[in-house]
Full PDB file with SEQRES, HELIX, SHEET, SSBOND, CRYST1, ORIGX, SCALE, CONECT and MASTER records, all heavy atoms in Angstrom:
SEQRES   1 A   29  SER ARG GLN SER MET ASP LYS LEU ILE ASN THR PHE ASN          
SEQRES   2 A   29  ASN ASP VAL ASN TYR HIS TYR TYR ILE ILE TYR PRO PRO          
SEQRES   3 A   29  ASP PHE LEU                                                  
HELIX    1 AA1 ARG A    2  ASN A   14  1                                  13    
HELIX    2 AA2 VAL A   16  HIS A   19  5                                   4    
HELIX    3 AA3 PRO A   25  PHE A   28  1                                   4    
CRYST1    1.000    1.000    1.000  90.00  90.00  90.00 P 1           1          
ORIGX1      1.000000  0.000000  0.000000        0.00000                         
ORIGX2      0.000000  1.000000  0.000000        0.00000                         
ORIGX3      0.000000  0.000000  1.000000        0.00000                         
SCALE1      1.000000  0.000000  0.000000        0.00000                         
SCALE2      0.000000  1.000000  0.000000        0.00000                         
SCALE3      0.000000  0.000000  1.000000        0.00000                         
ATOM      1  N   SER A   1     -10.353 -13.147 -21.231  1.00  0.00           N  
ATOM      2  CA  SER A   1      -9.474 -12.100 -21.729  1.00  0.00           C  
ATOM      3  C   SER A   1      -9.228 -11.054 -20.648  1.00  0.00           C  
ATOM      4  O   SER A   1      -9.904 -11.027 -19.621  1.00  0.00           O  
ATOM      5  CB  SER A   1     -10.119 -11.424 -22.947  1.00  0.00           C  
ATOM      6  OG  SER A   1     -11.302 -10.742 -22.541  1.00  0.00           O  
ATOM      7  N   ARG A   2      -8.255 -10.187 -20.905  1.00  0.00           N  
ATOM      8  CA  ARG A   2      -7.922  -9.149 -19.915  1.00  0.00           C  
ATOM      9  C   ARG A   2      -9.140  -8.280 -19.614  1.00  0.00           C  
ATOM     10  O   ARG A   2      -9.407  -7.937 -18.454  1.00  0.00           O  
ATOM     11  CB  ARG A   2      -6.767  -8.278 -20.444  1.00  0.00           C  
ATOM     12  CG  ARG A   2      -6.402  -7.088 -19.530  1.00  0.00           C  
ATOM     13  CD  ARG A   2      -5.785  -7.562 -18.232  1.00  0.00           C  
ATOM     14  NE  ARG A   2      -5.589  -6.514 -17.268  1.00  0.00           N  
ATOM     15  CZ  ARG A   2      -4.448  -5.841 -17.106  1.00  0.00           C  
ATOM     16  NH1 ARG A   2      -3.408  -6.081 -17.888  1.00  0.00           N  
ATOM     17  NH2 ARG A   2      -4.338  -4.930 -16.162  1.00  0.00           N  
ATOM     18  N   GLN A   3      -9.891  -7.917 -20.641  1.00  0.00           N  
ATOM     19  CA  GLN A   3     -11.050  -7.049 -20.436  1.00  0.00           C  
ATOM     20  C   GLN A   3     -12.092  -7.719 -19.537  1.00  0.00           C  
ATOM     21  O   GLN A   3     -12.601  -7.104 -18.597  1.00  0.00           O  
ATOM     22  CB  GLN A   3     -11.678  -6.674 -21.775  1.00  0.00           C  
ATOM     23  CG  GLN A   3     -12.851  -5.699 -21.652  1.00  0.00           C  
ATOM     24  CD  GLN A   3     -13.431  -5.315 -23.010  1.00  0.00           C  
ATOM     25  OE1 GLN A   3     -13.091  -5.895 -24.028  1.00  0.00           O  
ATOM     26  NE2 GLN A   3     -14.301  -4.322 -23.014  1.00  0.00           N  
ATOM     27  N   SER A   4     -12.397  -8.971 -19.823  1.00  0.00           N  
ATOM     28  CA  SER A   4     -13.392  -9.685 -19.012  1.00  0.00           C  
ATOM     29  C   SER A   4     -12.858  -9.961 -17.613  1.00  0.00           C  
ATOM     30  O   SER A   4     -13.598  -9.856 -16.621  1.00  0.00           O  
ATOM     31  CB  SER A   4     -13.777 -10.999 -19.689  1.00  0.00           C  
ATOM     32  OG  SER A   4     -14.418 -10.770 -20.924  1.00  0.00           O  
ATOM     33  N   MET A   5     -11.561 -10.294 -17.522  1.00  0.00           N  
ATOM     34  CA  MET A   5     -11.015 -10.570 -16.200  1.00  0.00           C  
ATOM     35  C   MET A   5     -10.987  -9.316 -15.343  1.00  0.00           C  
ATOM     36  O   MET A   5     -11.218  -9.373 -14.132  1.00  0.00           O  
ATOM     37  CB  MET A   5      -9.617 -11.177 -16.290  1.00  0.00           C  
ATOM     38  CG  MET A   5      -9.159 -11.763 -14.953  1.00  0.00           C  
ATOM     39  SD  MET A   5      -7.461 -12.364 -14.921  1.00  0.00           S  
ATOM     40  CE  MET A   5      -7.574 -13.751 -16.035  1.00  0.00           C  
ATOM     41  N   ASP A   6     -10.704  -8.170 -15.959  1.00  0.00           N  
ATOM     42  CA  ASP A   6     -10.741  -6.914 -15.197  1.00  0.00           C  
ATOM     43  C   ASP A   6     -12.123  -6.692 -14.585  1.00  0.00           C  
ATOM     44  O   ASP A   6     -12.248  -6.215 -13.457  1.00  0.00           O  
ATOM     45  CB  ASP A   6     -10.384  -5.732 -16.097  1.00  0.00           C  
ATOM     46  CG  ASP A   6      -8.887  -5.628 -16.367  1.00  0.00           C  
ATOM     47  OD1 ASP A   6      -8.118  -6.362 -15.720  1.00  0.00           O  
ATOM     48  OD2 ASP A   6      -8.498  -4.818 -17.221  1.00  0.00           O  
ATOM     49  N   LYS A   7     -13.163  -7.042 -15.336  1.00  0.00           N  
ATOM     50  CA  LYS A   7     -14.527  -6.908 -14.805  1.00  0.00           C  
ATOM     51  C   LYS A   7     -14.740  -7.854 -13.622  1.00  0.00           C  
ATOM     52  O   LYS A   7     -15.354  -7.492 -12.616  1.00  0.00           O  
ATOM     53  CB  LYS A   7     -15.554  -7.198 -15.903  1.00  0.00           C  
ATOM     54  CG  LYS A   7     -15.589  -6.175 -17.028  1.00  0.00           C  
ATOM     55  CD  LYS A   7     -16.618  -6.574 -18.087  1.00  0.00           C  
ATOM     56  CE  LYS A   7     -16.629  -5.600 -19.242  1.00  0.00           C  
ATOM     57  NZ  LYS A   7     -17.594  -6.016 -20.299  1.00  0.00           N  
ATOM     58  N   LEU A   8     -14.237  -9.087 -13.758  1.00  0.00           N  
ATOM     59  CA  LEU A   8     -14.367 -10.049 -12.666  1.00  0.00           C  
ATOM     60  C   LEU A   8     -13.638  -9.559 -11.421  1.00  0.00           C  
ATOM     61  O   LEU A   8     -14.157  -9.646 -10.295  1.00  0.00           O  
ATOM     62  CB  LEU A   8     -13.822 -11.415 -13.088  1.00  0.00           C  
ATOM     63  CG  LEU A   8     -14.664 -12.249 -14.046  1.00  0.00           C  
ATOM     64  CD1 LEU A   8     -13.937 -13.537 -14.405  1.00  0.00           C  
ATOM     65  CD2 LEU A   8     -16.035 -12.581 -13.447  1.00  0.00           C  
ATOM     66  N   ILE A   9     -12.422  -9.057 -11.617  1.00  0.00           N  
ATOM     67  CA  ILE A   9     -11.639  -8.599 -10.472  1.00  0.00           C  
ATOM     68  C   ILE A   9     -12.286  -7.371  -9.833  1.00  0.00           C  
ATOM     69  O   ILE A   9     -12.245  -7.198  -8.609  1.00  0.00           O  
ATOM     70  CB  ILE A   9     -10.188  -8.302 -10.899  1.00  0.00           C  
ATOM     71  CG1 ILE A   9      -9.511  -9.594 -11.382  1.00  0.00           C  
ATOM     72  CG2 ILE A   9      -9.400  -7.697  -9.750  1.00  0.00           C  
ATOM     73  CD1 ILE A   9      -9.550 -10.732 -10.389  1.00  0.00           C  
ATOM     74  N   ASN A  10     -12.910  -6.526 -10.648  1.00  0.00           N  
ATOM     75  CA  ASN A  10     -13.644  -5.387 -10.095  1.00  0.00           C  
ATOM     76  C   ASN A  10     -14.806  -5.863  -9.227  1.00  0.00           C  
ATOM     77  O   ASN A  10     -15.050  -5.333  -8.138  1.00  0.00           O  
ATOM     78  CB  ASN A  10     -14.155  -4.496 -11.231  1.00  0.00           C  
ATOM     79  CG  ASN A  10     -14.796  -3.223 -10.719  1.00  0.00           C  
ATOM     80  OD1 ASN A  10     -14.172  -2.443 -10.012  1.00  0.00           O  
ATOM     81  ND2 ASN A  10     -16.058  -3.010 -11.068  1.00  0.00           N  
ATOM     82  N   THR A  11     -15.520  -6.900  -9.713  1.00  0.00           N  
ATOM     83  CA  THR A  11     -16.595  -7.496  -8.912  1.00  0.00           C  
ATOM     84  C   THR A  11     -16.038  -8.108  -7.640  1.00  0.00           C  
ATOM     85  O   THR A  11     -16.627  -7.999  -6.558  1.00  0.00           O  
ATOM     86  CB  THR A  11     -17.328  -8.574  -9.730  1.00  0.00           C  
ATOM     87  OG1 THR A  11     -17.910  -7.976 -10.894  1.00  0.00           O  
ATOM     88  CG2 THR A  11     -18.420  -9.241  -8.909  1.00  0.00           C  
ATOM     89  N   PHE A  12     -14.890  -8.734  -7.773  1.00  0.00           N  
ATOM     90  CA  PHE A  12     -14.254  -9.344  -6.600  1.00  0.00           C  
ATOM     91  C   PHE A  12     -13.944  -8.291  -5.546  1.00  0.00           C  
ATOM     92  O   PHE A  12     -14.268  -8.460  -4.360  1.00  0.00           O  
ATOM     93  CB  PHE A  12     -12.977 -10.061  -7.036  1.00  0.00           C  
ATOM     94  CG  PHE A  12     -12.185 -10.635  -5.890  1.00  0.00           C  
ATOM     95  CD1 PHE A  12     -12.605 -11.791  -5.249  1.00  0.00           C  
ATOM     96  CD2 PHE A  12     -11.022 -10.009  -5.449  1.00  0.00           C  
ATOM     97  CE1 PHE A  12     -11.881 -12.315  -4.181  1.00  0.00           C  
ATOM     98  CE2 PHE A  12     -10.293 -10.530  -4.388  1.00  0.00           C  
ATOM     99  CZ  PHE A  12     -10.725 -11.685  -3.756  1.00  0.00           C  
ATOM    100  N   ASN A  13     -13.325  -7.198  -5.962  1.00  0.00           N  
ATOM    101  CA  ASN A  13     -12.927  -6.173  -4.994  1.00  0.00           C  
ATOM    102  C   ASN A  13     -14.116  -5.453  -4.378  1.00  0.00           C  
ATOM    103  O   ASN A  13     -14.045  -5.014  -3.229  1.00  0.00           O  
ATOM    104  CB  ASN A  13     -12.012  -5.150  -5.673  1.00  0.00           C  
ATOM    105  CG  ASN A  13     -10.614  -5.673  -5.878  1.00  0.00           C  
ATOM    106  OD1 ASN A  13     -10.122  -6.473  -5.097  1.00  0.00           O  
ATOM    107  ND2 ASN A  13      -9.962  -5.238  -6.942  1.00  0.00           N  
ATOM    108  N   ASN A  14     -15.205  -5.324  -5.125  1.00  0.00           N  
ATOM    109  CA  ASN A  14     -16.351  -4.555  -4.650  1.00  0.00           C  
ATOM    110  C   ASN A  14     -17.467  -5.394  -4.040  1.00  0.00           C  
ATOM    111  O   ASN A  14     -18.441  -4.836  -3.524  1.00  0.00           O  
ATOM    112  CB  ASN A  14     -16.931  -3.719  -5.799  1.00  0.00           C  
ATOM    113  CG  ASN A  14     -15.974  -2.639  -6.265  1.00  0.00           C  
ATOM    114  OD1 ASN A  14     -15.312  -2.002  -5.451  1.00  0.00           O  
ATOM    115  ND2 ASN A  14     -15.879  -2.437  -7.570  1.00  0.00           N  
ATOM    116  N   ASP A  15     -17.332  -6.723  -4.112  1.00  0.00           N  
ATOM    117  CA  ASP A  15     -18.404  -7.569  -3.588  1.00  0.00           C  
ATOM    118  C   ASP A  15     -17.873  -8.859  -2.973  1.00  0.00           C  
ATOM    119  O   ASP A  15     -17.872  -9.030  -1.754  1.00  0.00           O  
ATOM    120  CB  ASP A  15     -19.403  -7.894  -4.702  1.00  0.00           C  
ATOM    121  CG  ASP A  15     -20.571  -8.742  -4.219  1.00  0.00           C  
ATOM    122  OD1 ASP A  15     -20.766  -8.833  -2.993  1.00  0.00           O  
ATOM    123  OD2 ASP A  15     -21.291  -9.306  -5.061  1.00  0.00           O  
ATOM    124  N   VAL A  16     -17.386  -9.750  -3.822  1.00  0.00           N  
ATOM    125  CA  VAL A  16     -17.031 -11.101  -3.370  1.00  0.00           C  
ATOM    126  C   VAL A  16     -16.010 -11.079  -2.236  1.00  0.00           C  
ATOM    127  O   VAL A  16     -16.151 -11.793  -1.239  1.00  0.00           O  
ATOM    128  CB  VAL A  16     -16.509 -11.942  -4.557  1.00  0.00           C  
ATOM    129  CG1 VAL A  16     -16.032 -13.312  -4.084  1.00  0.00           C  
ATOM    130  CG2 VAL A  16     -17.599 -12.097  -5.612  1.00  0.00           C  
ATOM    131  N   ASN A  17     -14.993 -10.257  -2.362  1.00  0.00           N  
ATOM    132  CA  ASN A  17     -13.930 -10.244  -1.344  1.00  0.00           C  
ATOM    133  C   ASN A  17     -14.430  -9.773   0.012  1.00  0.00           C  
ATOM    134  O   ASN A  17     -13.865 -10.129   1.049  1.00  0.00           O  
ATOM    135  CB  ASN A  17     -12.767  -9.357  -1.804  1.00  0.00           C  
ATOM    136  CG  ASN A  17     -11.537  -9.513  -0.934  1.00  0.00           C  
ATOM    137  OD1 ASN A  17     -11.197 -10.610  -0.498  1.00  0.00           O  
ATOM    138  ND2 ASN A  17     -10.852  -8.413  -0.667  1.00  0.00           N  
ATOM    139  N   TYR A  18     -15.489  -8.953   0.026  1.00  0.00           N  
ATOM    140  CA  TYR A  18     -16.009  -8.453   1.287  1.00  0.00           C  
ATOM    141  C   TYR A  18     -16.664  -9.531   2.148  1.00  0.00           C  
ATOM    142  O   TYR A  18     -16.876  -9.321   3.343  1.00  0.00           O  
ATOM    143  CB  TYR A  18     -17.031  -7.328   1.037  1.00  0.00           C  
ATOM    144  CG  TYR A  18     -16.414  -6.035   0.578  1.00  0.00           C  
ATOM    145  CD1 TYR A  18     -17.077  -5.205  -0.318  1.00  0.00           C  
ATOM    146  CD2 TYR A  18     -15.176  -5.619   1.048  1.00  0.00           C  
ATOM    147  CE1 TYR A  18     -16.520  -4.013  -0.745  1.00  0.00           C  
ATOM    148  CE2 TYR A  18     -14.611  -4.425   0.624  1.00  0.00           C  
ATOM    149  CZ  TYR A  18     -15.287  -3.633  -0.266  1.00  0.00           C  
ATOM    150  OH  TYR A  18     -14.734  -2.440  -0.686  1.00  0.00           O  
ATOM    151  N   HIS A  19     -16.994 -10.664   1.547  1.00  0.00           N  
ATOM    152  CA  HIS A  19     -17.662 -11.705   2.324  1.00  0.00           C  
ATOM    153  C   HIS A  19     -16.800 -12.143   3.508  1.00  0.00           C  
ATOM    154  O   HIS A  19     -17.283 -12.261   4.632  1.00  0.00           O  
ATOM    155  CB  HIS A  19     -17.989 -12.909   1.440  1.00  0.00           C  
ATOM    156  CG  HIS A  19     -18.972 -12.581   0.363  1.00  0.00           C  
ATOM    157  ND1 HIS A  19     -19.297 -13.464  -0.641  1.00  0.00           N  
ATOM    158  CD2 HIS A  19     -19.720 -11.474   0.121  1.00  0.00           C  
ATOM    159  CE1 HIS A  19     -20.183 -12.912  -1.450  1.00  0.00           C  
ATOM    160  NE2 HIS A  19     -20.460 -11.711  -1.004  1.00  0.00           N  
ATOM    161  N   TYR A  20     -15.524 -12.396   3.248  1.00  0.00           N  
ATOM    162  CA  TYR A  20     -14.616 -12.819   4.327  1.00  0.00           C  
ATOM    163  C   TYR A  20     -13.311 -12.029   4.340  1.00  0.00           C  
ATOM    164  O   TYR A  20     -12.517 -12.183   5.251  1.00  0.00           O  
ATOM    165  CB  TYR A  20     -14.322 -14.319   4.205  1.00  0.00           C  
ATOM    166  CG  TYR A  20     -15.576 -15.151   4.253  1.00  0.00           C  
ATOM    167  CD1 TYR A  20     -16.073 -15.763   3.103  1.00  0.00           C  
ATOM    168  CD2 TYR A  20     -16.290 -15.311   5.437  1.00  0.00           C  
ATOM    169  CE1 TYR A  20     -17.233 -16.517   3.131  1.00  0.00           C  
ATOM    170  CE2 TYR A  20     -17.458 -16.059   5.477  1.00  0.00           C  
ATOM    171  CZ  TYR A  20     -17.918 -16.662   4.322  1.00  0.00           C  
ATOM    172  OH  TYR A  20     -19.076 -17.397   4.357  1.00  0.00           O  
ATOM    173  N   TYR A  21     -13.058 -11.232   3.325  1.00  0.00           N  
ATOM    174  CA  TYR A  21     -11.884 -10.359   3.237  1.00  0.00           C  
ATOM    175  C   TYR A  21     -10.590 -11.153   3.386  1.00  0.00           C  
ATOM    176  O   TYR A  21      -9.697 -10.790   4.147  1.00  0.00           O  
ATOM    177  CB  TYR A  21     -11.970  -9.252   4.282  1.00  0.00           C  
ATOM    178  CG  TYR A  21     -11.326  -7.955   3.826  1.00  0.00           C  
ATOM    179  CD1 TYR A  21     -11.755  -7.313   2.669  1.00  0.00           C  
ATOM    180  CD2 TYR A  21     -10.302  -7.372   4.549  1.00  0.00           C  
ATOM    181  CE1 TYR A  21     -11.173  -6.129   2.247  1.00  0.00           C  
ATOM    182  CE2 TYR A  21      -9.700  -6.193   4.145  1.00  0.00           C  
ATOM    183  CZ  TYR A  21     -10.148  -5.576   2.993  1.00  0.00           C  
ATOM    184  OH  TYR A  21      -9.570  -4.391   2.576  1.00  0.00           O  
ATOM    185  N   ILE A  22     -10.497 -12.217   2.612  1.00  0.00           N  
ATOM    186  CA  ILE A  22      -9.297 -13.051   2.607  1.00  0.00           C  
ATOM    187  C   ILE A  22      -8.128 -12.305   1.974  1.00  0.00           C  
ATOM    188  O   ILE A  22      -6.972 -12.497   2.345  1.00  0.00           O  
ATOM    189  CB  ILE A  22      -9.581 -14.366   1.852  1.00  0.00           C  
ATOM    190  CG1 ILE A  22     -10.702 -15.150   2.559  1.00  0.00           C  
ATOM    191  CG2 ILE A  22      -8.331 -15.219   1.722  1.00  0.00           C  
ATOM    192  CD1 ILE A  22     -11.252 -16.300   1.721  1.00  0.00           C  
ATOM    193  N   ILE A  23      -8.423 -11.443   1.000  1.00  0.00           N  
ATOM    194  CA  ILE A  23      -7.404 -10.728   0.231  1.00  0.00           C  
ATOM    195  C   ILE A  23      -7.352  -9.261   0.645  1.00  0.00           C  
ATOM    196  O   ILE A  23      -8.390  -8.613   0.787  1.00  0.00           O  
ATOM    197  CB  ILE A  23      -7.720 -10.820  -1.280  1.00  0.00           C  
ATOM    198  CG1 ILE A  23      -7.636 -12.278  -1.760  1.00  0.00           C  
ATOM    199  CG2 ILE A  23      -6.792  -9.925  -2.088  1.00  0.00           C  
ATOM    200  CD1 ILE A  23      -6.258 -12.873  -1.739  1.00  0.00           C  
ATOM    201  N   TYR A  24      -6.140  -8.738   0.817  1.00  0.00           N  
ATOM    202  CA  TYR A  24      -5.960  -7.305   1.024  1.00  0.00           C  
ATOM    203  C   TYR A  24      -5.788  -6.672  -0.355  1.00  0.00           C  
ATOM    204  O   TYR A  24      -4.772  -6.893  -1.029  1.00  0.00           O  
ATOM    205  CB  TYR A  24      -4.740  -7.044   1.906  1.00  0.00           C  
ATOM    206  CG  TYR A  24      -4.482  -5.590   2.183  1.00  0.00           C  
ATOM    207  CD1 TYR A  24      -5.444  -4.807   2.818  1.00  0.00           C  
ATOM    208  CD2 TYR A  24      -3.280  -4.995   1.819  1.00  0.00           C  
ATOM    209  CE1 TYR A  24      -5.218  -3.467   3.077  1.00  0.00           C  
ATOM    210  CE2 TYR A  24      -3.038  -3.654   2.078  1.00  0.00           C  
ATOM    211  CZ  TYR A  24      -4.014  -2.888   2.707  1.00  0.00           C  
ATOM    212  OH  TYR A  24      -3.798  -1.568   2.958  1.00  0.00           O  
ATOM    213  N   PRO A  25      -6.771  -5.907  -0.847  1.00  0.00           N  
ATOM    214  CA  PRO A  25      -6.792  -5.477  -2.251  1.00  0.00           C  
ATOM    215  C   PRO A  25      -5.543  -4.775  -2.771  1.00  0.00           C  
ATOM    216  O   PRO A  25      -5.093  -5.087  -3.879  1.00  0.00           O  
ATOM    217  CB  PRO A  25      -8.029  -4.570  -2.317  1.00  0.00           C  
ATOM    218  CG  PRO A  25      -8.919  -5.078  -1.237  1.00  0.00           C  
ATOM    219  CD  PRO A  25      -7.995  -5.483  -0.131  1.00  0.00           C  
ATOM    220  N   PRO A  26      -4.939  -3.815  -2.040  1.00  0.00           N  
ATOM    221  CA  PRO A  26      -3.760  -3.144  -2.612  1.00  0.00           C  
ATOM    222  C   PRO A  26      -2.637  -4.104  -2.988  1.00  0.00           C  
ATOM    223  O   PRO A  26      -2.011  -3.960  -4.042  1.00  0.00           O  
ATOM    224  CB  PRO A  26      -3.333  -2.174  -1.497  1.00  0.00           C  
ATOM    225  CG  PRO A  26      -4.591  -1.892  -0.755  1.00  0.00           C  
ATOM    226  CD  PRO A  26      -5.339  -3.197  -0.759  1.00  0.00           C  
ATOM    227  N   ASP A  27      -2.371  -5.085  -2.131  1.00  0.00           N  
ATOM    228  CA  ASP A  27      -1.321  -6.065  -2.433  1.00  0.00           C  
ATOM    229  C   ASP A  27      -1.704  -6.907  -3.643  1.00  0.00           C  
ATOM    230  O   ASP A  27      -0.889  -7.148  -4.542  1.00  0.00           O  
ATOM    231  CB  ASP A  27      -1.093  -6.984  -1.230  1.00  0.00           C  
ATOM    232  CG  ASP A  27      -0.409  -6.280  -0.080  1.00  0.00           C  
ATOM    233  OD1 ASP A  27      -0.015  -5.108  -0.248  1.00  0.00           O  
ATOM    234  OD2 ASP A  27      -0.290  -6.885   1.000  1.00  0.00           O  
ATOM    235  N   PHE A  28      -2.937  -7.364  -3.660  1.00  0.00           N  
ATOM    236  CA  PHE A  28      -3.383  -8.237  -4.741  1.00  0.00           C  
ATOM    237  C   PHE A  28      -3.352  -7.525  -6.093  1.00  0.00           C  
ATOM    238  O   PHE A  28      -2.890  -8.083  -7.095  1.00  0.00           O  
ATOM    239  CB  PHE A  28      -4.791  -8.752  -4.455  1.00  0.00           C  
ATOM    240  CG  PHE A  28      -5.386  -9.541  -5.588  1.00  0.00           C  
ATOM    241  CD1 PHE A  28      -5.007 -10.851  -5.817  1.00  0.00           C  
ATOM    242  CD2 PHE A  28      -6.319  -8.959  -6.442  1.00  0.00           C  
ATOM    243  CE1 PHE A  28      -5.537 -11.580  -6.867  1.00  0.00           C  
ATOM    244  CE2 PHE A  28      -6.850  -9.675  -7.498  1.00  0.00           C  
ATOM    245  CZ  PHE A  28      -6.461 -10.989  -7.712  1.00  0.00           C  
ATOM    246  N   LEU A  29      -3.829  -6.299  -6.146  1.00  0.00           N  
ATOM    247  CA  LEU A  29      -3.882  -5.569  -7.420  1.00  0.00           C  
ATOM    248  C   LEU A  29      -2.484  -5.309  -7.975  1.00  0.00           C  
ATOM    249  O   LEU A  29      -2.269  -5.337  -9.190  1.00  0.00           O  
ATOM    250  CB  LEU A  29      -4.641  -4.256  -7.238  1.00  0.00           C  
ATOM    251  CG  LEU A  29      -6.153  -4.412  -7.018  1.00  0.00           C  
ATOM    252  CD1 LEU A  29      -6.793  -3.060  -6.719  1.00  0.00           C  
ATOM    253  CD2 LEU A  29      -6.819  -5.051  -8.230  1.00  0.00           C  
TER     254      LEU A  29                                                      
MASTER        0    0    0    3    0    0    0    6  253    1    0    3          
END                                                                             
């Protein structure tokens, strides 16, 4: 759901994405 996915994306931006920084967060959001 949107609520759960928002939590996942928050984890992505604050942790997972930092591993290799494949995504530029402002564009993705």
